[in-house]
Protein backbone atom coordinates (compact mmCIF):
# COMPACT_ATOMS: atom_id res chain seq x y z
CA MET A 1 81.41 128.51 116.52
CA ARG A 2 83.55 129.16 113.46
CA PHE A 3 86.98 127.60 113.06
CA ARG A 4 89.91 129.97 112.83
CA ASP A 5 91.34 127.92 109.94
CA ARG A 6 91.65 124.34 108.71
CA GLU A 7 94.53 123.71 111.10
CA GLU A 8 92.42 124.49 114.15
CA ALA A 9 89.59 122.41 112.72
CA GLY A 10 91.97 119.48 112.28
CA ARG A 11 93.20 119.67 115.85
CA LEU A 12 89.65 119.74 117.22
CA LEU A 13 88.68 116.82 115.03
CA ALA A 14 91.78 114.87 116.08
CA ARG A 15 90.60 114.94 119.70
CA GLN A 16 87.52 112.98 118.68
CA LEU A 17 89.59 110.47 116.70
CA MET A 18 92.16 109.49 119.33
CA GLY A 19 90.31 106.26 120.02
CA TYR A 20 91.30 105.02 116.56
CA ALA A 21 95.04 105.50 117.12
CA SER A 22 95.40 101.89 118.33
CA ASP A 23 94.15 100.69 114.91
CA ALA A 24 97.30 102.09 113.25
CA PRO A 25 95.14 103.99 110.76
CA VAL A 26 96.06 105.64 107.49
CA VAL A 27 94.85 109.23 107.11
CA LEU A 28 93.65 109.93 103.57
CA ALA A 29 92.79 113.54 102.79
CA LEU A 30 90.78 114.87 99.88
CA PRO A 31 92.83 117.59 98.18
CA ARG A 32 93.18 120.30 98.35
CA GLY A 33 91.46 121.67 101.47
CA GLY A 34 91.22 118.35 103.27
CA VAL A 35 95.00 118.01 103.36
CA ALA A 36 95.46 120.85 105.86
CA VAL A 37 92.86 119.22 108.13
CA GLY A 38 94.29 115.75 107.61
CA TYR A 39 97.83 116.87 108.39
CA GLU A 40 96.83 117.87 111.91
CA ILE A 41 95.00 114.58 112.45
CA ALA A 42 97.93 112.52 111.17
CA ARG A 43 100.30 114.41 113.44
CA GLU A 44 98.15 113.93 116.54
CA LEU A 45 97.55 110.23 115.85
CA ASP A 46 101.11 109.62 114.61
CA ALA A 47 99.63 108.15 111.45
CA PRO A 48 100.79 108.23 107.80
CA LEU A 49 99.13 110.85 105.59
CA GLU A 50 98.32 110.59 101.90
CA VAL A 51 95.81 112.01 99.46
CA LEU A 52 92.88 110.30 97.81
CA VAL A 53 92.16 112.26 94.66
CA VAL A 54 88.51 112.95 93.90
CA ARG A 55 87.03 115.32 91.31
CA LYS A 56 83.60 116.88 91.38
CA LEU A 57 81.61 116.64 88.16
CA GLY A 58 80.03 120.01 87.51
CA VAL A 59 77.12 120.71 85.17
CA PRO A 60 78.77 122.18 82.02
CA TRP A 61 76.75 125.42 82.03
CA GLN A 62 76.85 125.71 85.84
CA PRO A 63 80.14 124.18 87.04
CA GLU A 64 79.47 124.89 90.72
CA LEU A 65 76.41 122.64 90.59
CA GLY A 66 77.69 119.14 91.23
CA MET A 67 76.10 116.30 89.31
CA GLY A 68 78.47 113.69 90.70
CA ALA A 69 82.09 112.89 91.40
CA LEU A 70 84.99 110.66 90.33
CA ALA A 71 87.50 109.01 92.63
CA GLU A 72 90.75 107.12 92.19
CA GLY A 73 90.21 103.56 91.11
CA GLY A 74 87.48 104.60 88.68
CA ALA A 75 84.70 104.94 91.25
CA LEU A 76 81.85 107.09 89.98
CA TYR A 77 78.95 108.70 91.85
CA LEU A 78 76.14 110.39 89.92
CA ASN A 79 73.39 112.53 91.41
CA GLN A 80 70.39 111.35 89.43
CA GLN A 81 68.22 114.18 90.71
CA VAL A 82 70.57 116.82 89.28
CA LEU A 83 70.99 114.93 86.00
CA GLU A 84 67.23 114.79 85.50
CA MET A 85 66.69 118.39 86.59
CA GLU A 86 69.31 119.68 84.15
CA ASP A 87 68.31 117.26 81.38
CA LEU A 88 71.93 116.40 80.73
CA GLY A 89 72.67 114.32 77.64
CA VAL A 90 74.87 111.23 77.63
CA ASP A 91 77.50 112.86 75.41
CA GLU A 92 77.64 115.96 77.62
CA LEU A 93 78.11 113.78 80.69
CA LYS A 94 80.85 111.73 79.01
CA THR A 95 82.71 114.91 78.03
CA VAL A 96 82.79 116.14 81.63
CA ILE A 97 83.87 112.73 82.93
CA VAL A 98 86.77 112.50 80.45
CA GLU A 99 87.96 116.03 81.29
CA GLU A 100 87.83 115.44 85.02
CA MET A 101 89.52 112.05 84.71
CA ARG A 102 92.45 113.78 83.02
CA GLU A 103 92.66 116.28 85.88
CA LEU A 104 92.38 113.48 88.45
CA GLU A 105 95.28 111.62 86.84
CA ARG A 106 97.32 114.84 86.71
CA ARG A 107 96.84 115.35 90.42
CA VAL A 108 97.71 111.74 91.27
CA GLN A 109 100.94 112.23 89.34
CA ARG A 110 101.57 115.63 90.92
CA TYR A 111 100.87 114.63 94.51
CA ARG A 112 102.16 111.04 94.58
CA GLY A 113 104.27 110.65 91.47
CA GLY A 114 101.70 108.14 90.22
CA ARG A 115 102.36 105.70 93.10
CA ARG A 116 99.45 103.40 93.97
CA LEU A 117 97.94 103.40 97.44
CA GLU A 118 98.45 100.17 99.42
CA LEU A 119 95.48 99.98 101.79
CA ALA A 120 94.38 96.33 101.95
CA GLY A 121 93.30 95.43 105.47
CA ARG A 122 93.91 98.93 106.85
CA THR A 123 91.67 101.25 108.81
CA VAL A 124 91.35 104.49 106.84
CA ILE A 125 90.41 107.88 108.25
CA LEU A 126 89.02 109.76 105.25
CA VAL A 127 89.24 113.53 105.75
CA ASP A 128 87.81 116.61 104.08
CA ASP A 129 87.30 120.18 105.29
CA GLY A 130 83.50 119.87 105.21
CA LEU A 131 80.50 118.12 103.70
CA ALA A 132 77.71 119.94 101.89
CA THR A 133 75.93 117.51 99.54
CA GLY A 134 78.50 114.77 100.10
CA GLY A 135 79.02 113.85 96.45
CA THR A 136 82.82 113.76 96.57
CA ALA A 137 82.77 111.82 99.83
CA ARG A 138 80.45 109.20 98.34
CA ALA A 139 82.76 108.72 95.36
CA ALA A 140 85.76 108.52 97.71
CA VAL A 141 84.12 105.86 99.87
CA ARG A 142 83.23 103.79 96.80
CA GLY A 143 86.78 104.14 95.56
CA LEU A 144 88.22 103.00 98.88
CA ARG A 145 86.14 99.83 98.86
CA GLY A 146 88.06 98.83 95.75
CA PHE A 147 91.35 99.04 97.69
CA GLY A 148 90.23 96.36 100.13
CA VAL A 149 90.29 98.51 103.25
CA ARG A 150 89.14 97.01 106.55
CA ARG A 151 87.29 100.01 107.93
CA ILE A 152 86.44 103.54 106.77
CA ILE A 153 86.11 106.39 109.26
CA LEU A 154 84.86 109.56 107.58
CA ALA A 155 86.05 112.63 109.51
CA VAL A 156 85.10 116.25 108.78
CA PRO A 157 84.98 119.41 110.91
CA VAL A 158 81.52 120.40 109.67
CA ALA A 159 78.74 118.67 107.74
CA ALA A 160 75.13 119.39 106.85
CA SER A 161 73.12 117.23 109.25
CA ARG A 162 71.11 115.50 106.49
CA THR A 163 74.27 114.70 104.55
CA ALA A 164 75.96 113.32 107.66
CA GLU A 165 72.95 111.17 108.46
CA ALA A 166 72.91 109.68 104.96
CA LEU A 167 76.66 109.04 104.83
CA ARG A 168 76.69 107.25 108.17
CA GLU A 169 74.98 104.39 106.35
CA GLU A 170 77.90 104.13 103.89
CA VAL A 171 80.87 104.16 106.28
CA ASP A 172 81.85 102.38 109.48
CA ALA A 173 81.76 105.64 111.43
CA LEU A 174 81.41 109.36 110.77
CA VAL A 175 83.14 111.79 113.13
CA CYS A 176 82.20 115.47 112.95
CA VAL A 177 82.61 118.54 115.17
CA HIS A 178 79.54 120.45 113.94
CA GLU A 179 76.42 119.17 112.15
CA PRO A 180 74.20 122.21 111.52
CA GLU A 181 70.76 121.77 110.02
CA GLU A 182 71.51 124.67 107.64
CA LEU A 183 75.09 124.62 106.37
CA TRP A 184 74.76 127.33 103.67
CA SER A 185 78.43 126.97 102.70
CA ILE A 186 81.47 125.21 104.12
CA GLY A 187 83.56 128.38 103.90
CA ALA A 188 81.15 130.23 106.20
CA TRP A 189 82.37 128.01 109.05
CA TYR A 190 85.97 129.21 108.70
CA GLN A 191 87.53 132.60 109.30
CA ASP A 192 90.33 131.65 106.90
CA PHE A 193 89.16 129.42 104.04
CA HIS A 194 91.70 130.26 101.35
CA GLN A 195 92.17 127.79 98.52
CA LEU A 196 95.32 125.74 99.01
CA SER A 197 97.79 125.57 96.14
CA ASP A 198 99.45 122.41 94.84
CA ASP A 199 102.70 123.61 96.43
CA GLU A 200 101.03 123.91 99.85
CA VAL A 201 99.59 120.41 99.51
CA LEU A 202 102.99 118.98 98.55
CA ALA A 203 104.71 120.76 101.44
CA LEU A 204 102.25 119.29 103.95
CA LEU A 205 102.61 115.80 102.48
CA GLU A 206 106.40 116.02 102.53
CA GLN A 207 106.42 117.17 106.15
CA ALA A 208 104.02 114.38 107.14
CA HIS A 209 106.11 111.74 105.36
CA ARG A 210 109.21 112.88 107.25
CA THR A 211 107.55 112.75 110.66
CA THR A 212 105.26 109.70 110.41
CA GLY A 213 107.52 107.24 108.62
CA GLY A 214 106.61 107.49 104.99
CA SER A 215 103.57 107.00 102.78
CA PRO A 216 101.06 104.15 102.33
CA ALA A 217 101.81 104.10 98.61
CA SER A 218 104.07 101.94 96.49
CA PRO A 219 105.85 102.58 93.16
């Protein structure tokens, strides 16, 4: 069953997350696509919504091929198999990391005005619109550990079954609507999978902050 859009996917996912509402969780969405999913979850659970900025590290001559990811707080995940397969040099890797760190910092400034997340002791529901290889999710989870969170619940509408199985060992729980053996692409599971703009992300965050009592971030 394909989702009509990210909003429908978020509502379906929220039904499976209602048991966490009593934990007073924070919903952290990976921008940009995860924000539309996370907005619906935050609304259903009456929880604050914010973004956790993560950047995929693409192989320079094949940017769509992920060799790792960066997350806020300086967390870094590298896919050693891809690095060895592509025979990537140290200088080439450093160049990509520096470029993506600049973009990560730009987005933190754009989405949160540079405010730091305050998550110590909180239960976090980490949301994206799907998991293929799971590189960005791994970096995000590592980044969250540095914020001193109490529990991490990874929530996605669709995930490759092998990826989901592996990530369950890195989080306290993984909640997913569909776990196909063959994912092919995340977009194939949505009728509408348009790329969200920064303005759409900001509008969703602003609406969530008005209705759920602010943001788990401080100046």
